[in-house]
């Protein structure tokens, strides 16, 4: 069993900052890619940022404002969000690419954390 738990969402005024944290635990041999997605009401889930051993990638809409980082030993990924805009309002989901002790690779999702930016 693998658990993925996010925290750090909340309500913030436009221009403010939030830091999201996601921790994976359970039967994990190793982790490949860790990422953050978001889904606004009536919209499709979209990739915000991801990080692996080759580096980080970002959606164009968040470049220069958001920073993703990871602590491999703690199986944790962070998303520092600065200069937040109203359009950043969404439920943010953590996605973790896990390799199990049986060498099976599959993605796991967290339950989501709400980020609301007031204009």
PDB file of N, CA and C in Angstrom:
ATOM      1  N   UNK A   1       0.831  -1.191   0.000  1.00  0.00           N
ATOM      2  CA  UNK A   1       0.000   0.000   0.000  1.00  0.00           C
ATOM      3  C   UNK A   1       0.868   1.244   0.000  1.00  0.00           C
ATOM      4  N   UNK A   2       0.436   2.214  -0.761  1.00  0.00           N
ATOM      5  CA  UNK A   2       1.136   3.505  -0.850  1.00  0.00           C
ATOM      6  C   UNK A   2       0.144   4.612  -0.515  1.00  0.00           C
ATOM      7  N   UNK A   3       0.581   5.535   0.309  1.00  0.00           N
ATOM      8  CA  UNK A   3      -0.241   6.682   0.658  1.00  0.00           C
ATOM      9  C   UNK A   3       0.464   7.954   0.166  1.00  0.00           C
ATOM     10  N   UNK A   4      -0.342   8.858  -0.370  1.00  0.00           N
ATOM     11  CA  UNK A   4       0.151  10.158  -0.829  1.00  0.00           C
ATOM     12  C   UNK A   4      -0.709  11.223  -0.159  1.00  0.00           C
ATOM     13  N   UNK A   5      -0.095  12.073   0.611  1.00  0.00           N
ATOM     14  CA  UNK A   5      -0.845  13.051   1.411  1.00  0.00           C
ATOM     15  C   UNK A   5      -0.323  14.452   1.126  1.00  0.00           C
ATOM     16  N   UNK A   6      -1.245  15.341   0.751  1.00  0.00           N
ATOM     17  CA  UNK A   6      -0.890  16.739   0.493  1.00  0.00           C
ATOM     18  C   UNK A   6      -1.305  17.604   1.674  1.00  0.00           C
ATOM     19  N   UNK A   7      -0.648  18.742   1.789  1.00  0.00           N
ATOM     20  CA  UNK A   7      -1.028  19.747   2.777  1.00  0.00           C
ATOM     21  C   UNK A   7      -0.548  21.105   2.290  1.00  0.00           C
ATOM     22  N   UNK A   8      -1.071  22.156   2.933  1.00  0.00           N
ATOM     23  CA  UNK A   8      -0.580  23.495   2.640  1.00  0.00           C
ATOM     24  C   UNK A   8      -1.507  24.377   1.840  1.00  0.00           C
ATOM     25  N   UNK A   9      -2.631  23.854   1.403  1.00  0.00           N
ATOM     26  CA  UNK A   9      -3.554  24.706   0.666  1.00  0.00           C
ATOM     27  C   UNK A   9      -4.236  25.700   1.585  1.00  0.00           C
ATOM     28  N   UNK A  10      -5.025  26.585   0.983  1.00  0.00           N
ATOM     29  CA  UNK A  10      -5.745  27.558   1.785  1.00  0.00           C
ATOM     30  C   UNK A  10      -6.228  28.736   0.969  1.00  0.00           C
ATOM     31  N   UNK A  11      -6.623  29.776   1.675  1.00  0.00           N
ATOM     32  CA  UNK A  11      -7.127  31.007   1.064  1.00  0.00           C
ATOM     33  C   UNK A  11      -6.057  32.086   1.169  1.00  0.00           C
ATOM     34  N   UNK A  12      -5.789  32.737   0.057  1.00  0.00           N
ATOM     35  CA  UNK A  12      -4.760  33.773   0.043  1.00  0.00           C
ATOM     36  C   UNK A  12      -5.186  34.881  -0.909  1.00  0.00           C
ATOM     37  N   UNK A  13      -4.750  36.082  -0.632  1.00  0.00           N
ATOM     38  CA  UNK A  13      -5.056  37.199  -1.529  1.00  0.00           C
ATOM     39  C   UNK A  13      -4.140  37.161  -2.749  1.00  0.00           C
ATOM     40  N   UNK A  14      -4.613  37.714  -3.830  1.00  0.00           N
ATOM     41  CA  UNK A  14      -3.790  37.811  -5.039  1.00  0.00           C
ATOM     42  C   UNK A  14      -2.475  38.510  -4.712  1.00  0.00           C
ATOM     43  N   UNK A  15      -1.402  37.953  -5.252  1.00  0.00           N
ATOM     44  CA  UNK A  15      -0.076  38.476  -4.965  1.00  0.00           C
ATOM     45  C   UNK A  15       0.616  37.776  -3.812  1.00  0.00           C
ATOM     46  N   UNK A  16      -0.131  36.983  -3.082  1.00  0.00           N
ATOM     47  CA  UNK A  16       0.416  36.278  -1.938  1.00  0.00           C
ATOM     48  C   UNK A  16       1.105  34.983  -2.316  1.00  0.00           C
ATOM     49  N   UNK A  17       1.506  34.236  -1.280  1.00  0.00           N
ATOM     50  CA  UNK A  17       2.249  32.995  -1.478  1.00  0.00           C
ATOM     51  C   UNK A  17       1.654  31.860  -0.653  1.00  0.00           C
ATOM     52  N   UNK A  18       1.855  30.665  -1.156  1.00  0.00           N
ATOM     53  CA  UNK A  18       1.516  29.443  -0.432  1.00  0.00           C
ATOM     54  C   UNK A  18       2.567  28.395  -0.755  1.00  0.00           C
ATOM     55  N   UNK A  19       2.733  27.451   0.158  1.00  0.00           N
ATOM     56  CA  UNK A  19       3.646  26.335  -0.076  1.00  0.00           C
ATOM     57  C   UNK A  19       2.887  25.036   0.148  1.00  0.00           C
ATOM     58  N   UNK A  20       2.845  24.222  -0.899  1.00  0.00           N
ATOM     59  CA  UNK A  20       2.212  22.915  -0.817  1.00  0.00           C
ATOM     60  C   UNK A  20       3.271  21.852  -0.532  1.00  0.00           C
ATOM     61  N   UNK A  21       2.862  20.874   0.249  1.00  0.00           N
ATOM     62  CA  UNK A  21       3.759  19.773   0.605  1.00  0.00           C
ATOM     63  C   UNK A  21       3.052  18.453   0.315  1.00  0.00           C
ATOM     64  N   UNK A  22       3.783  17.511  -0.235  1.00  0.00           N
ATOM     65  CA  UNK A  22       3.232  16.187  -0.528  1.00  0.00           C
ATOM     66  C   UNK A  22       4.234  15.136  -0.084  1.00  0.00           C
ATOM     67  N   UNK A  23       3.751  14.202   0.710  1.00  0.00           N
ATOM     68  CA  UNK A  23       4.611  13.125   1.205  1.00  0.00           C
ATOM     69  C   UNK A  23       4.047  11.774   0.818  1.00  0.00           C
ATOM     70  N   UNK A  24       4.910  10.924   0.288  1.00  0.00           N
ATOM     71  CA  UNK A  24       4.543   9.560  -0.058  1.00  0.00           C
ATOM     72  C   UNK A  24       5.102   8.599   0.979  1.00  0.00           C
ATOM     73  N   UNK A  25       4.313   7.575   1.292  1.00  0.00           N
ATOM     74  CA  UNK A  25       4.766   6.586   2.280  1.00  0.00           C
ATOM     75  C   UNK A  25       4.190   5.224   1.940  1.00  0.00           C
ATOM     76  N   UNK A  26       4.747   4.188   2.551  1.00  0.00           N
ATOM     77  CA  UNK A  26       4.243   2.839   2.325  1.00  0.00           C
ATOM     78  C   UNK A  26       5.271   1.963   1.638  1.00  0.00           C
ATOM     79  N   UNK A  27       4.770   1.019   0.853  1.00  0.00           N
ATOM     80  CA  UNK A  27       5.619   0.022   0.194  1.00  0.00           C
ATOM     81  C   UNK A  27       6.266   0.601  -1.059  1.00  0.00           C
ATOM     82  N   UNK A  28       7.318   1.348  -0.840  1.00  0.00           N
ATOM     83  CA  UNK A  28       7.976   2.064  -1.931  1.00  0.00           C
ATOM     84  C   UNK A  28       9.435   1.654  -2.015  1.00  0.00           C
ATOM     85  N   UNK A  29       9.836   1.133  -3.169  1.00  0.00           N
ATOM     86  CA  UNK A  29      11.244   0.830  -3.399  1.00  0.00           C
ATOM     87  C   UNK A  29      11.967   2.108  -3.803  1.00  0.00           C
ATOM     88  N   UNK A  30      11.378   2.801  -4.742  1.00  0.00           N
ATOM     89  CA  UNK A  30      11.938   4.070  -5.181  1.00  0.00           C
ATOM     90  C   UNK A  30      10.847   4.905  -5.839  1.00  0.00           C
ATOM     91  N   UNK A  31      11.153   6.167  -6.041  1.00  0.00           N
ATOM     92  CA  UNK A  31      10.209   7.090  -6.677  1.00  0.00           C
ATOM     93  C   UNK A  31      10.878   7.725  -7.879  1.00  0.00           C
ATOM     94  N   UNK A  32      10.154   7.767  -8.984  1.00  0.00           N
ATOM     95  CA  UNK A  32      10.681   8.409 -10.183  1.00  0.00           C
ATOM     96  C   UNK A  32      10.201   9.861 -10.197  1.00  0.00           C
ATOM     97  N   UNK A  33       9.211  10.149 -10.992  1.00  0.00           N
ATOM     98  CA  UNK A  33       8.729  11.522 -11.111  1.00  0.00           C
ATOM     99  C   UNK A  33       7.733  11.858 -10.004  1.00  0.00           C
ATOM    100  N   UNK A  34       7.841  13.082  -9.501  1.00  0.00           N
ATOM    101  CA  UNK A  34       6.848  13.623  -8.568  1.00  0.00           C
ATOM    102  C   UNK A  34       6.324  14.916  -9.185  1.00  0.00           C
ATOM    103  N   UNK A  35       5.028  15.110  -9.084  1.00  0.00           N
ATOM    104  CA  UNK A  35       4.479  16.289  -9.734  1.00  0.00           C
ATOM    105  C   UNK A  35       3.237  16.827  -9.068  1.00  0.00           C
ATOM    106  N   UNK A  36       2.883  18.028  -9.482  1.00  0.00           N
ATOM    107  CA  UNK A  36       1.662  18.681  -9.026  1.00  0.00           C
ATOM    108  C   UNK A  36       0.772  18.974 -10.217  1.00  0.00           C
ATOM    109  N   UNK A  37      -0.489  18.646 -10.069  1.00  0.00           N
ATOM    110  CA  UNK A  37      -1.513  18.941 -11.053  1.00  0.00           C
ATOM    111  C   UNK A  37      -2.565  19.802 -10.373  1.00  0.00           C
ATOM    112  N   UNK A  38      -3.397  20.422 -11.181  1.00  0.00           N
ATOM    113  CA  UNK A  38      -4.506  21.181 -10.607  1.00  0.00           C
ATOM    114  C   UNK A  38      -5.733  21.062 -11.494  1.00  0.00           C
ATOM    115  N   UNK A  39      -6.883  21.233 -10.850  1.00  0.00           N
ATOM    116  CA  UNK A  39      -8.143  21.172 -11.582  1.00  0.00           C
ATOM    117  C   UNK A  39      -9.074  22.232 -11.040  1.00  0.00           C
ATOM    118  N   UNK A  40      -9.428  23.157 -11.913  1.00  0.00           N
ATOM    119  CA  UNK A  40     -10.388  24.195 -11.561  1.00  0.00           C
ATOM    120  C   UNK A  40     -11.791  23.708 -11.917  1.00  0.00           C
ATOM    121  N   UNK A  41     -12.832  24.274 -11.323  1.00  0.00           N
ATOM    122  CA  UNK A  41     -14.206  23.853 -11.621  1.00  0.00           C
ATOM    123  C   UNK A  41     -14.507  23.935 -13.109  1.00  0.00           C
ATOM    124  N   UNK A  42     -15.035  22.845 -13.641  1.00  0.00           N
ATOM    125  CA  UNK A  42     -15.392  22.817 -15.053  1.00  0.00           C
ATOM    126  C   UNK A  42     -14.220  22.668 -16.011  1.00  0.00           C
ATOM    127  N   UNK A  43     -13.037  22.503 -15.467  1.00  0.00           N
ATOM    128  CA  UNK A  43     -11.852  22.392 -16.309  1.00  0.00           C
ATOM    129  C   UNK A  43     -11.229  20.996 -16.182  1.00  0.00           C
ATOM    130  N   UNK A  44     -10.356  20.682 -17.135  1.00  0.00           N
ATOM    131  CA  UNK A  44      -9.624  19.421 -17.063  1.00  0.00           C
ATOM    132  C   UNK A  44      -8.440  19.563 -16.116  1.00  0.00           C
ATOM    133  N   UNK A  45      -8.027  18.435 -15.565  1.00  0.00           N
ATOM    134  CA  UNK A  45      -6.848  18.433 -14.713  1.00  0.00           C
ATOM    135  C   UNK A  45      -5.621  18.713 -15.591  1.00  0.00           C
ATOM    136  N   UNK A  46      -4.760  19.615 -15.102  1.00  0.00           N
ATOM    137  CA  UNK A  46      -3.589  19.992 -15.886  1.00  0.00           C
ATOM    138  C   UNK A  46      -2.323  19.890 -15.050  1.00  0.00           C
ATOM    139  N   UNK A  47      -1.218  19.623 -15.734  1.00  0.00           N
ATOM    140  CA  UNK A  47       0.078  19.562 -15.065  1.00  0.00           C
ATOM    141  C   UNK A  47       0.536  20.975 -14.721  1.00  0.00           C
ATOM    142  N   UNK A  48       0.959  21.147 -13.482  1.00  0.00           N
ATOM    143  CA  UNK A  48       1.506  22.430 -13.043  1.00  0.00           C
ATOM    144  C   UNK A  48       3.027  22.382 -13.080  1.00  0.00           C
ATOM    145  N   UNK A  49       3.585  21.348 -12.462  1.00  0.00           N
ATOM    146  CA  UNK A  49       5.043  21.209 -12.423  1.00  0.00           C
ATOM    147  C   UNK A  49       5.388  19.776 -12.062  1.00  0.00           C
ATOM    148  N   UNK A  50       6.533  19.324 -12.520  1.00  0.00           N
ATOM    149  CA  UNK A  50       7.006  17.992 -12.173  1.00  0.00           C
ATOM    150  C   UNK A  50       8.517  18.024 -12.032  1.00  0.00           C
ATOM    151  N   UNK A  51       9.033  17.028 -11.291  1.00  0.00           N
ATOM    152  CA  UNK A  51      10.477  16.970 -11.071  1.00  0.00           C
ATOM    153  C   UNK A  51      10.919  15.511 -11.045  1.00  0.00           C
ATOM    154  N   UNK A  52      12.064  15.259 -11.691  1.00  0.00           N
ATOM    155  CA  UNK A  52      12.686  13.940 -11.625  1.00  0.00           C
ATOM    156  C   UNK A  52      14.194  14.147 -11.581  1.00  0.00           C
ATOM    157  N   UNK A  53      14.944  13.074 -11.804  1.00  0.00           N
ATOM    158  CA  UNK A  53      16.399  13.189 -11.719  1.00  0.00           C
ATOM    159  C   UNK A  53      16.996  14.100 -12.796  1.00  0.00           C
ATOM    160  N   UNK A  54      16.210  14.359 -13.837  1.00  0.00           N
ATOM    161  CA  UNK A  54      16.717  15.212 -14.924  1.00  0.00           C
ATOM    162  C   UNK A  54      16.391  16.683 -14.727  1.00  0.00           C
ATOM    163  N   UNK A  55      15.585  16.975 -13.721  1.00  0.00           N
ATOM    164  CA  UNK A  55      15.250  18.362 -13.464  1.00  0.00           C
ATOM    165  C   UNK A  55      13.759  18.593 -13.366  1.00  0.00           C
ATOM    166  N   UNK A  56      13.367  19.867 -13.465  1.00  0.00           N
ATOM    167  CA  UNK A  56      11.981  20.261 -13.284  1.00  0.00           C
ATOM    168  C   UNK A  56      11.391  20.824 -14.563  1.00  0.00           C
ATOM    169  N   UNK A  57      10.086  20.641 -14.722  1.00  0.00           N
ATOM    170  CA  UNK A  57       9.354  21.247 -15.825  1.00  0.00           C
ATOM    171  C   UNK A  57       8.150  21.977 -15.254  1.00  0.00           C
ATOM    172  N   UNK A  58       7.714  23.016 -15.956  1.00  0.00           N
ATOM    173  CA  UNK A  58       6.621  23.852 -15.485  1.00  0.00           C
ATOM    174  C   UNK A  58       5.653  24.158 -16.616  1.00  0.00           C
ATOM    175  N   UNK A  59       4.395  24.326 -16.239  1.00  0.00           N
ATOM    176  CA  UNK A  59       3.428  24.865 -17.181  1.00  0.00           C
ATOM    177  C   UNK A  59       3.795  26.324 -17.466  1.00  0.00           C
ATOM    178  N   UNK A  60       3.541  26.765 -18.669  1.00  0.00           N
ATOM    179  CA  UNK A  60       3.886  28.147 -19.037  1.00  0.00           C
ATOM    180  C   UNK A  60       3.219  29.161 -18.106  1.00  0.00           C
ATOM    181  N   UNK A  61       2.029  28.833 -17.647  1.00  0.00           N
ATOM    182  CA  UNK A  61       1.266  29.781 -16.841  1.00  0.00           C
ATOM    183  C   UNK A  61       1.866  30.026 -15.457  1.00  0.00           C
ATOM    184  N   UNK A  62       2.772  29.156 -15.020  1.00  0.00           N
ATOM    185  CA  UNK A  62       3.331  29.313 -13.669  1.00  0.00           C
ATOM    186  C   UNK A  62       4.835  29.578 -13.673  1.00  0.00           C
ATOM    187  N   UNK A  63       5.444  29.548 -14.842  1.00  0.00           N
ATOM    188  CA  UNK A  63       6.896  29.772 -14.924  1.00  0.00           C
ATOM    189  C   UNK A  63       7.258  31.124 -14.326  1.00  0.00           C
ATOM    190  N   UNK A  64       8.299  31.101 -13.502  1.00  0.00           N
ATOM    191  CA  UNK A  64       8.757  32.330 -12.868  1.00  0.00           C
ATOM    192  C   UNK A  64       8.039  32.654 -11.573  1.00  0.00           C
ATOM    193  N   UNK A  65       6.942  31.955 -11.297  1.00  0.00           N
ATOM    194  CA  UNK A  65       6.179  32.215 -10.062  1.00  0.00           C
ATOM    195  C   UNK A  65       6.195  31.021  -9.113  1.00  0.00           C
ATOM    196  N   UNK A  66       6.169  29.807  -9.680  1.00  0.00           N
ATOM    197  CA  UNK A  66       6.132  28.593  -8.874  1.00  0.00           C
ATOM    198  C   UNK A  66       7.486  27.889  -8.949  1.00  0.00           C
ATOM    199  N   UNK A  67       7.841  27.227  -7.852  1.00  0.00           N
ATOM    200  CA  UNK A  67       9.057  26.434  -7.813  1.00  0.00           C
ATOM    201  C   UNK A  67       8.765  25.083  -7.189  1.00  0.00           C
ATOM    202  N   UNK A  68       9.130  24.026  -7.914  1.00  0.00           N
ATOM    203  CA  UNK A  68       8.955  22.676  -7.395  1.00  0.00           C
ATOM    204  C   UNK A  68      10.311  22.166  -6.920  1.00  0.00           C
ATOM    205  N   UNK A  69      10.290  21.429  -5.809  1.00  0.00           N
ATOM    206  CA  UNK A  69      11.520  20.828  -5.294  1.00  0.00           C
ATOM    207  C   UNK A  69      11.150  19.531  -4.592  1.00  0.00           C
ATOM    208  N   UNK A  70      12.158  18.692  -4.378  1.00  0.00           N
ATOM    209  CA  UNK A  70      11.890  17.413  -3.736  1.00  0.00           C
ATOM    210  C   UNK A  70      13.006  17.066  -2.765  1.00  0.00           C
ATOM    211  N   UNK A  71      12.605  16.291  -1.768  1.00  0.00           N
ATOM    212  CA  UNK A  71      13.559  15.702  -0.827  1.00  0.00           C
ATOM    213  C   UNK A  71      13.417  14.200  -0.997  1.00  0.00           C
ATOM    214  N   UNK A  72      14.351  13.611  -1.725  1.00  0.00           N
ATOM    215  CA  UNK A  72      14.241  12.194  -2.074  1.00  0.00           C
ATOM    216  C   UNK A  72      14.223  11.309  -0.840  1.00  0.00           C
ATOM    217  N   UNK A  73      15.055  11.612   0.126  1.00  0.00           N
ATOM    218  CA  UNK A  73      15.126  10.786   1.337  1.00  0.00           C
ATOM    219  C   UNK A  73      13.810  10.804   2.105  1.00  0.00           C
ATOM    220  N   UNK A  74      13.150  11.945   2.097  1.00  0.00           N
ATOM    221  CA  UNK A  74      11.877  12.074   2.821  1.00  0.00           C
ATOM    222  C   UNK A  74      10.682  11.734   1.947  1.00  0.00           C
ATOM    223  N   UNK A  75      10.952  11.406   0.670  1.00  0.00           N
ATOM    224  CA  UNK A  75       9.857  11.076  -0.271  1.00  0.00           C
ATOM    225  C   UNK A  75       8.821  12.196  -0.289  1.00  0.00           C
ATOM    226  N   UNK A  76       9.317  13.397  -0.339  1.00  0.00           N
ATOM    227  CA  UNK A  76       8.460  14.569  -0.251  1.00  0.00           C
ATOM    228  C   UNK A  76       8.734  15.516  -1.408  1.00  0.00           C
ATOM    229  N   UNK A  77       7.660  16.114  -1.899  1.00  0.00           N
ATOM    230  CA  UNK A  77       7.792  17.125  -2.952  1.00  0.00           C
ATOM    231  C   UNK A  77       7.074  18.382  -2.484  1.00  0.00           C
ATOM    232  N   UNK A  78       7.648  19.526  -2.851  1.00  0.00           N
ATOM    233  CA  UNK A  78       7.122  20.808  -2.427  1.00  0.00           C
ATOM    234  C   UNK A  78       6.769  21.642  -3.664  1.00  0.00           C
ATOM    235  N   UNK A  79       5.786  22.514  -3.473  1.00  0.00           N
ATOM    236  CA  UNK A  79       5.478  23.484  -4.520  1.00  0.00           C
ATOM    237  C   UNK A  79       5.361  24.856  -3.867  1.00  0.00           C
ATOM    238  N   UNK A  80       6.351  25.693  -4.090  1.00  0.00           N
ATOM    239  CA  UNK A  80       6.316  27.063  -3.588  1.00  0.00           C
ATOM    240  C   UNK A  80       5.624  27.924  -4.629  1.00  0.00           C
ATOM    241  N   UNK A  81       4.535  28.542  -4.244  1.00  0.00           N
ATOM    242  CA  UNK A  81       3.739  29.338  -5.165  1.00  0.00           C
ATOM    243  C   UNK A  81       3.788  30.802  -4.729  1.00  0.00           C
ATOM    244  N   UNK A  82       4.361  31.632  -5.554  1.00  0.00           N
ATOM    245  CA  UNK A  82       4.462  33.065  -5.282  1.00  0.00           C
ATOM    246  C   UNK A  82       3.660  33.849  -6.310  1.00  0.00           C
ATOM    247  N   UNK A  83       3.397  35.100  -6.001  1.00  0.00           N
ATOM    248  CA  UNK A  83       2.661  35.990  -6.908  1.00  0.00           C
ATOM    249  C   UNK A  83       1.384  35.319  -7.412  1.00  0.00           C
ATOM    250  N   UNK A  84       0.643  34.767  -6.493  1.00  0.00           N
ATOM    251  CA  UNK A  84      -0.563  34.012  -6.878  1.00  0.00           C
ATOM    252  C   UNK A  84      -1.591  34.908  -7.541  1.00  0.00           C
ATOM    253  N   UNK A  85      -2.276  34.328  -8.504  1.00  0.00           N
ATOM    254  CA  UNK A  85      -3.316  35.016  -9.255  1.00  0.00           C
ATOM    255  C   UNK A  85      -4.661  34.322  -9.044  1.00  0.00           C
ATOM    256  N   UNK A  86      -5.721  35.051  -9.342  1.00  0.00           N
ATOM    257  CA  UNK A  86      -7.050  34.477  -9.206  1.00  0.00           C
ATOM    258  C   UNK A  86      -7.167  33.195 -10.015  1.00  0.00           C
ATOM    259  N   UNK A  87      -6.553  33.176 -11.190  1.00  0.00           N
ATOM    260  CA  UNK A  87      -6.638  32.010 -12.070  1.00  0.00           C
ATOM    261  C   UNK A  87      -5.896  30.792 -11.527  1.00  0.00           C
ATOM    262  N   UNK A  88      -5.130  30.948 -10.458  1.00  0.00           N
ATOM    263  CA  UNK A  88      -4.468  29.800  -9.847  1.00  0.00           C
ATOM    264  C   UNK A  88      -5.409  29.031  -8.923  1.00  0.00           C
ATOM    265  N   UNK A  89      -6.596  29.560  -8.709  1.00  0.00           N
ATOM    266  CA  UNK A  89      -7.577  28.889  -7.858  1.00  0.00           C
ATOM    267  C   UNK A  89      -7.946  27.537  -8.440  1.00  0.00           C
ATOM    268  N   UNK A  90      -7.797  26.488  -7.648  1.00  0.00           N
ATOM    269  CA  UNK A  90      -8.058  25.129  -8.110  1.00  0.00           C
ATOM    270  C   UNK A  90      -7.817  24.165  -6.951  1.00  0.00           C
ATOM    271  N   UNK A  91      -8.186  22.913  -7.190  1.00  0.00           N
ATOM    272  CA  UNK A  91      -7.747  21.845  -6.303  1.00  0.00           C
ATOM    273  C   UNK A  91      -6.420  21.332  -6.859  1.00  0.00           C
ATOM    274  N   UNK A  92      -5.426  21.285  -6.005  1.00  0.00           N
ATOM    275  CA  UNK A  92      -4.087  20.851  -6.408  1.00  0.00           C
ATOM    276  C   UNK A  92      -3.876  19.412  -5.948  1.00  0.00           C
ATOM    277  N   UNK A  93      -3.416  18.585  -6.888  1.00  0.00           N
ATOM    278  CA  UNK A  93      -3.205  17.173  -6.623  1.00  0.00           C
ATOM    279  C   UNK A  93      -1.735  16.819  -6.797  1.00  0.00           C
ATOM    280  N   UNK A  94      -1.263  15.993  -5.895  1.00  0.00           N
ATOM    281  CA  UNK A  94       0.097  15.468  -6.000  1.00  0.00           C
ATOM    282  C   UNK A  94       0.062  14.124  -6.725  1.00  0.00           C
ATOM    283  N   UNK A  95       1.019  13.904  -7.585  1.00  0.00           N
ATOM    284  CA  UNK A  95       1.145  12.648  -8.313  1.00  0.00           C
ATOM    285  C   UNK A  95       2.555  12.114  -8.115  1.00  0.00           C
ATOM    286  N   UNK A  96       2.644  10.856  -7.735  1.00  0.00           N
ATOM    287  CA  UNK A  96       3.946  10.242  -7.442  1.00  0.00           C
ATOM    288  C   UNK A  96       4.084   8.951  -8.239  1.00  0.00           C
ATOM    289  N   UNK A  97       5.163   8.851  -8.967  1.00  0.00           N
ATOM    290  CA  UNK A  97       5.454   7.669  -9.777  1.00  0.00           C
ATOM    291  C   UNK A  97       6.275   6.697  -8.929  1.00  0.00           C
ATOM    292  N   UNK A  98       5.612   5.630  -8.468  1.00  0.00           N
ATOM    293  CA  UNK A  98       6.227   4.742  -7.489  1.00  0.00           C
ATOM    294  C   UNK A  98       6.667   3.428  -8.132  1.00  0.00           C
ATOM    295  N   UNK A  99       7.839   2.972  -7.736  1.00  0.00           N
ATOM    296  CA  UNK A  99       8.296   1.637  -8.102  1.00  0.00           C
ATOM    297  C   UNK A  99       8.254   0.796  -6.829  1.00  0.00           C
ATOM    298  N   UNK A 100       7.476  -0.285  -6.892  1.00  0.00           N
ATOM    299  CA  UNK A 100       7.263  -1.100  -5.698  1.00  0.00           C
ATOM    300  C   UNK A 100       8.389  -2.110  -5.512  1.00  0.00           C
ATOM    301  N   UNK A 101       8.319  -2.834  -4.403  1.00  0.00           N
ATOM    302  CA  UNK A 101       9.330  -3.866  -4.124  1.00  0.00           C
ATOM    303  C   UNK A 101       9.226  -5.038  -5.101  1.00  0.00           C
ATOM    304  N   UNK A 102       8.108  -5.155  -5.799  1.00  0.00           N
ATOM    305  CA  UNK A 102       7.953  -6.168  -6.841  1.00  0.00           C
ATOM    306  C   UNK A 102       8.294  -5.602  -8.213  1.00  0.00           C
ATOM    307  N   UNK A 103       8.896  -4.420  -8.220  1.00  0.00           N
ATOM    308  CA  UNK A 103       9.368  -3.763  -9.443  1.00  0.00           C
ATOM    309  C   UNK A 103       8.242  -3.388 -10.384  1.00  0.00           C
ATOM    310  N   UNK A 104       7.074  -3.178  -9.811  1.00  0.00           N
ATOM    311  CA  UNK A 104       5.948  -2.683 -10.591  1.00  0.00           C
ATOM    312  C   UNK A 104       5.901  -1.168 -10.420  1.00  0.00           C
ATOM    313  N   UNK A 105       5.769  -0.475 -11.526  1.00  0.00           N
ATOM    314  CA  UNK A 105       5.738   0.982 -11.523  1.00  0.00           C
ATOM    315  C   UNK A 105       4.316   1.450 -11.798  1.00  0.00           C
ATOM    316  N   UNK A 106       3.826   2.329 -10.950  1.00  0.00           N
ATOM    317  CA  UNK A 106       2.490   2.906 -11.172  1.00  0.00           C
ATOM    318  C   UNK A 106       2.386   4.245 -10.477  1.00  0.00           C
ATOM    319  N   UNK A 107       1.511   5.105 -10.981  1.00  0.00           N
ATOM    320  CA  UNK A 107       1.321   6.420 -10.356  1.00  0.00           C
ATOM    321  C   UNK A 107       0.303   6.365  -9.233  1.00  0.00           C
ATOM    322  N   UNK A 108       0.503   7.206  -8.237  1.00  0.00           N
ATOM    323  CA  UNK A 108      -0.439   7.356  -7.139  1.00  0.00           C
ATOM    324  C   UNK A 108      -0.803   8.828  -6.998  1.00  0.00           C
ATOM    325  N   UNK A 109      -2.073   9.054  -6.648  1.00  0.00           N
ATOM    326  CA  UNK A 109      -2.575  10.407  -6.482  1.00  0.00           C
ATOM    327  C   UNK A 109      -2.900  10.693  -5.025  1.00  0.00           C
ATOM    328  N   UNK A 110      -2.692  11.935  -4.626  1.00  0.00           N
ATOM    329  CA  UNK A 110      -3.179  12.383  -3.343  1.00  0.00           C
ATOM    330  C   UNK A 110      -4.654  12.755  -3.431  1.00  0.00           C
ATOM    331  N   UNK A 111      -5.214  13.151  -2.294  1.00  0.00           N
ATOM    332  CA  UNK A 111      -6.641  13.447  -2.230  1.00  0.00           C
ATOM    333  C   UNK A 111      -6.955  14.861  -2.711  1.00  0.00           C
ATOM    334  N   UNK A 112      -5.935  15.682  -2.848  1.00  0.00           N
ATOM    335  CA  UNK A 112      -6.131  17.048  -3.322  1.00  0.00           C
ATOM    336  C   UNK A 112      -6.192  18.044  -2.178  1.00  0.00           C
ATOM    337  N   UNK A 113      -5.723  19.239  -2.456  1.00  0.00           N
ATOM    338  CA  UNK A 113      -5.802  20.326  -1.475  1.00  0.00           C
ATOM    339  C   UNK A 113      -6.268  21.590  -2.200  1.00  0.00           C
ATOM    340  N   UNK A 114      -7.223  22.277  -1.599  1.00  0.00           N
ATOM    341  CA  UNK A 114      -7.831  23.441  -2.240  1.00  0.00           C
ATOM    342  C   UNK A 114      -6.952  24.678  -2.074  1.00  0.00           C
ATOM    343  N   UNK A 115      -6.725  25.356  -3.183  1.00  0.00           N
ATOM    344  CA  UNK A 115      -6.054  26.657  -3.177  1.00  0.00           C
ATOM    345  C   UNK A 115      -7.033  27.678  -3.736  1.00  0.00           C
ATOM    346  N   UNK A 116      -7.332  28.687  -2.947  1.00  0.00           N
ATOM    347  CA  UNK A 116      -8.256  29.727  -3.363  1.00  0.00           C
ATOM    348  C   UNK A 116      -7.552  31.076  -3.281  1.00  0.00           C
ATOM    349  N   UNK A 117      -7.532  31.771  -4.413  1.00  0.00           N
ATOM    350  CA  UNK A 117      -6.896  33.089  -4.469  1.00  0.00           C
ATOM    351  C   UNK A 117      -7.986  34.129  -4.666  1.00  0.00           C
ATOM    352  N   UNK A 118      -8.069  35.046  -3.733  1.00  0.00           N
ATOM    353  CA  UNK A 118      -9.089  36.091  -3.827  1.00  0.00           C
ATOM    354  C   UNK A 118      -8.519  37.298  -4.567  1.00  0.00           C
ATOM    355  N   UNK A 119      -9.361  37.865  -5.395  1.00  0.00           N
ATOM    356  CA  UNK A 119      -8.888  38.997  -6.203  1.00  0.00           C
ATOM    357  C   UNK A 119      -9.085  40.316  -5.474  1.00  0.00           C
TER     358      UNK A 119
END
